[in-house]
Amino acid sequence: MENGKLYIVPTPVGNLQDMTFRAIDVLQTVSLILCEDTRTSGVLLKHFDISTPKRAFHMHNEHKAVEGIINQLKTGASIALISDAGTPGISDPGFLLVRACVENSIAVETLPGATAFVPALVNSGFPCDKFCFEGFLPQKKGRQKRLTLLENETRSVVLYESPHRMVKLLEQFVEHFGTEREVSVSREISKLHEETVRGTVTEVLQHFQTHPPKGEFVVVLRGTEE
């Protein structure tokens, strides 16, 4: 029996109009959709009239679930993986499943589409011909070490951060990169309250000390001069 195929399908990070026609078509025709959160994805799927069966696949069950999904793909099933927002595998579940598919000679097709860091990087005005994507820094252990390693990075550095750690991150930027390094902070990409704040680390820190951070954040730090 011929193996099935795994489709990696990006979903909008905010505005539902960012969903592609191809993504809708794939989600309507596969046998099963793996969702980071079935309730969150259920809203999206209902909006686009997609009734394909869905199953939870997230960071808490992906290690245990991979083997069963691989076996299902080996029976010829076509399966799509989506996350709550953006492209699966980019700071979201997906890597383990894709790796297992590659190891088992199962085809993987990744659709192009939404991911939060690309518009934030381009919108920063910093060089983006070369950049360093760090995703989420470690919350505790290893965080200071990671920031120290980035002190001499000449490329633009892209990070994700949660609102309740945003001010702390900028304070750590002052410590590791100085007060005058430029930074661009974008929040709520493609949503109603999308905003980008640019300036020196000190200026942006002062902004968020007086404007409590809300929403999802992408932080772009200008690289050090070579």
Protein backbone atom coordinates (compact mmCIF):
# COMPACT_ATOMS: atom_id res chain seq x y z
CA MET A 1 0.00 0.00 0.00
CA GLU A 2 1.28 3.44 -0.91
CA ASN A 3 1.94 5.89 1.91
CA GLY A 4 -0.25 8.93 2.36
CA LYS A 5 0.99 12.50 2.68
CA LEU A 6 1.36 15.01 5.49
CA TYR A 7 0.42 18.59 4.66
CA ILE A 8 1.77 21.44 6.78
CA VAL A 9 -0.82 24.19 6.46
CA PRO A 10 -0.28 27.75 7.75
CA THR A 11 -3.29 29.57 9.18
CA PRO A 12 -3.81 33.32 9.71
CA VAL A 13 -2.03 34.95 12.64
CA GLY A 14 -4.88 37.45 12.85
CA ASN A 15 -6.89 38.57 9.83
CA LEU A 16 -8.85 35.62 8.39
CA GLN A 17 -8.43 37.07 4.90
CA ASP A 18 -4.81 35.93 5.05
CA MET A 19 -6.00 32.32 4.60
CA THR A 20 -5.00 31.06 1.14
CA PHE A 21 -7.31 29.35 -1.35
CA ARG A 22 -4.90 26.43 -1.46
CA ALA A 23 -4.94 26.02 2.32
CA ILE A 24 -8.75 25.86 2.31
CA ASP A 25 -8.72 23.31 -0.51
CA VAL A 26 -6.23 21.05 1.29
CA LEU A 27 -8.13 21.21 4.58
CA GLN A 28 -11.37 20.33 2.81
CA THR A 29 -9.92 17.27 1.06
CA VAL A 30 -7.60 15.57 3.60
CA SER A 31 -8.78 12.68 5.78
CA LEU A 32 -7.87 14.33 9.09
CA ILE A 33 -6.75 17.69 10.47
CA LEU A 34 -4.37 17.76 13.43
CA CYS A 35 -4.97 20.90 15.50
CA GLU A 36 -2.97 22.51 18.29
CA ASP A 37 -6.30 23.37 19.95
CA THR A 38 -9.45 21.89 18.42
CA ARG A 39 -11.64 24.65 19.88
CA THR A 40 -9.49 27.46 18.45
CA SER A 41 -9.19 25.73 15.08
CA GLY A 42 -12.88 24.90 15.13
CA VAL A 43 -13.72 28.60 14.80
CA LEU A 44 -11.44 28.93 11.77
CA LEU A 45 -12.67 25.73 10.12
CA LYS A 46 -16.32 26.67 10.62
CA HIS A 47 -15.67 30.12 9.07
CA PHE A 48 -14.41 28.46 5.88
CA ASP A 49 -17.05 25.70 5.92
CA ILE A 50 -14.51 22.95 6.50
CA SER A 51 -16.05 19.85 8.11
CA THR A 52 -13.04 17.51 7.96
CA PRO A 53 -12.55 15.46 11.17
CA LYS A 54 -10.03 16.99 13.56
CA ARG A 55 -7.84 15.75 16.40
CA ALA A 56 -5.69 17.50 19.01
CA PHE A 57 -1.93 17.52 18.40
CA HIS A 58 0.03 19.82 20.70
CA MET A 59 3.23 20.13 22.73
CA HIS A 60 1.82 18.02 25.57
CA ASN A 61 0.90 14.96 23.48
CA GLU A 62 3.01 15.13 20.33
CA HIS A 63 5.70 12.68 21.54
CA LYS A 64 3.08 10.02 22.27
CA ALA A 65 0.94 10.79 19.22
CA VAL A 66 3.59 10.69 16.49
CA GLU A 67 3.81 6.90 16.15
CA GLY A 68 0.06 6.50 15.70
CA ILE A 69 -0.07 9.27 13.10
CA ILE A 70 2.80 7.71 11.16
CA ASN A 71 0.96 4.37 11.14
CA GLN A 72 -2.16 6.10 9.87
CA LEU A 73 -0.17 7.80 7.08
CA LYS A 74 1.27 4.40 6.14
CA THR A 75 -2.26 3.18 5.42
CA GLY A 76 -2.56 5.84 2.71
CA ALA A 77 -4.33 8.55 4.71
CA SER A 78 -3.79 12.22 3.89
CA ILE A 79 -3.38 14.35 7.02
CA ALA A 80 -3.01 18.11 7.51
CA LEU A 81 -1.31 19.75 10.48
CA ILE A 82 -2.30 23.25 11.59
CA SER A 83 -1.45 25.32 14.66
CA ASP A 84 -3.50 27.97 16.44
CA ALA A 85 -1.92 30.62 14.20
CA GLY A 86 0.90 30.81 11.69
CA THR A 87 3.06 28.02 10.28
CA PRO A 88 3.36 24.76 12.24
CA GLY A 89 6.92 24.00 13.31
CA ILE A 90 7.82 27.67 13.76
CA SER A 91 7.69 27.98 17.57
CA ASP A 92 4.73 25.56 17.37
CA PRO A 93 4.35 21.75 17.27
CA GLY A 94 5.32 20.11 13.99
CA PHE A 95 9.05 19.37 13.93
CA LEU A 96 8.80 15.91 15.53
CA LEU A 97 6.09 14.78 13.12
CA VAL A 98 7.87 16.09 10.03
CA ARG A 99 11.09 14.39 11.13
CA ALA A 100 9.27 11.11 11.66
CA CYS A 101 7.70 11.37 8.19
CA VAL A 102 11.12 11.95 6.62
CA GLU A 103 12.55 8.96 8.50
CA ASN A 104 9.67 6.78 7.26
CA SER A 105 9.79 7.99 3.64
CA ILE A 106 6.37 9.62 3.93
CA ALA A 107 5.84 12.66 1.71
CA VAL A 108 5.57 16.06 3.39
CA GLU A 109 4.16 19.08 1.58
CA THR A 110 4.48 22.44 3.34
CA LEU A 111 2.26 25.20 2.04
CA PRO A 112 3.54 28.80 2.07
CA GLY A 113 1.55 31.18 4.20
CA ALA A 114 1.28 33.30 7.29
CA THR A 115 3.94 33.52 9.98
CA ALA A 116 4.29 36.44 12.37
CA PHE A 117 8.01 37.13 12.26
CA VAL A 118 8.34 37.92 8.54
CA PRO A 119 6.10 41.04 8.47
CA ALA A 120 7.60 42.21 11.79
CA LEU A 121 11.14 41.85 10.42
CA VAL A 122 10.41 43.66 7.17
CA ASN A 123 8.43 46.35 9.00
CA SER A 124 11.31 47.04 11.39
CA GLY A 125 13.34 48.86 8.76
CA PHE A 126 16.44 46.93 9.83
CA PRO A 127 18.52 44.87 7.37
CA CYS A 128 16.65 41.67 6.58
CA ASP A 129 18.79 40.13 3.85
CA LYS A 130 20.33 38.11 6.69
CA PHE A 131 18.76 37.57 10.09
CA CYS A 132 18.81 35.34 13.16
CA PHE A 133 15.53 33.83 14.34
CA GLU A 134 15.56 32.84 18.02
CA GLY A 135 11.87 32.18 18.63
CA PHE A 136 11.08 32.21 22.36
CA LEU A 137 14.12 32.54 24.62
CA PRO A 138 14.32 30.12 27.55
CA GLN A 139 12.16 31.47 30.36
CA LYS A 140 14.70 30.83 33.12
CA LYS A 141 17.59 28.39 32.74
CA GLY A 142 19.80 29.36 29.81
CA ARG A 143 18.17 32.74 29.16
CA GLN A 144 21.13 34.88 30.24
CA LYS A 145 23.54 32.60 28.39
CA ARG A 146 21.50 32.95 25.20
CA LEU A 147 21.43 36.74 25.46
CA THR A 148 25.20 36.81 26.08
CA LEU A 149 25.77 34.76 22.92
CA LEU A 150 23.73 37.31 20.95
CA GLU A 151 25.74 40.32 22.11
CA ASN A 152 28.09 40.18 19.10
CA GLU A 153 25.46 39.10 16.55
CA THR A 154 25.73 41.34 13.48
CA ARG A 155 22.48 40.15 11.88
CA SER A 156 19.05 41.41 12.88
CA VAL A 157 17.75 39.20 15.70
CA VAL A 158 14.09 38.16 15.76
CA LEU A 159 12.40 36.99 18.97
CA TYR A 160 8.93 36.07 20.15
CA GLU A 161 7.86 37.21 23.61
CA SER A 162 4.76 37.05 25.77
CA PRO A 163 3.23 40.29 27.12
CA HIS A 164 4.00 39.57 30.78
CA ARG A 165 7.74 39.19 30.04
CA MET A 166 8.04 42.05 27.55
CA VAL A 167 9.31 44.71 29.97
CA LYS A 168 11.74 42.25 31.55
CA LEU A 169 13.11 41.37 28.11
CA LEU A 170 13.77 45.01 27.29
CA GLU A 171 15.48 45.51 30.65
CA GLN A 172 17.72 42.56 29.80
CA PHE A 173 18.39 44.16 26.41
CA VAL A 174 19.71 47.26 28.20
CA GLU A 175 21.99 45.02 30.26
CA HIS A 176 23.35 43.02 27.34
CA PHE A 177 23.16 45.38 24.34
CA GLY A 178 23.32 48.87 25.87
CA THR A 179 20.83 51.71 25.94
CA GLU A 180 21.29 52.93 22.35
CA ARG A 181 20.82 49.71 20.36
CA GLU A 182 17.81 50.04 18.07
CA VAL A 183 14.83 47.75 18.50
CA SER A 184 11.46 47.34 16.80
CA VAL A 185 8.57 45.73 18.65
CA SER A 186 5.46 44.65 16.73
CA ARG A 187 2.33 43.34 18.39
CA GLU A 188 -0.92 41.84 17.17
CA ILE A 189 0.36 41.33 13.61
CA SER A 190 -2.53 41.63 11.08
CA LYS A 191 -5.09 42.13 13.87
CA LEU A 192 -7.26 45.14 14.63
CA HIS A 193 -4.83 46.69 17.13
CA GLU A 194 -1.61 45.99 15.21
CA GLU A 195 1.17 48.32 16.33
CA THR A 196 4.92 48.70 15.85
CA VAL A 197 7.06 50.69 18.30
CA ARG A 198 10.57 51.59 17.12
CA GLY A 199 13.46 53.36 18.82
CA THR A 200 16.42 52.75 21.07
CA VAL A 201 16.11 50.01 23.66
CA THR A 202 15.67 52.70 26.34
CA GLU A 203 12.93 54.51 24.40
CA VAL A 204 10.97 51.34 23.71
CA LEU A 205 11.38 50.19 27.31
CA GLN A 206 10.00 53.50 28.55
CA HIS A 207 7.04 53.14 26.17
CA PHE A 208 6.04 49.75 27.54
CA GLN A 209 6.63 50.80 31.13
CA THR A 210 3.89 53.40 30.64
CA HIS A 211 1.77 51.36 28.18
CA PRO A 212 1.25 47.86 29.67
CA PRO A 213 2.03 45.25 26.99
CA LYS A 214 -0.98 43.42 25.57
CA GLY A 215 -1.19 40.86 22.77
CA GLU A 216 1.34 38.73 20.93
CA PHE A 217 4.79 40.27 20.38
CA VAL A 218 7.55 39.97 17.80
CA VAL A 219 10.78 41.76 18.78
CA VAL A 220 13.44 42.68 16.21
CA LEU A 221 16.83 43.81 17.54
CA ARG A 222 19.23 45.53 15.17
CA GLY A 223 22.53 43.69 14.90
CA THR A 224 25.74 45.14 16.24
CA GLU A 225 28.01 47.01 13.85
CA GLU A 226 30.63 44.76 12.26
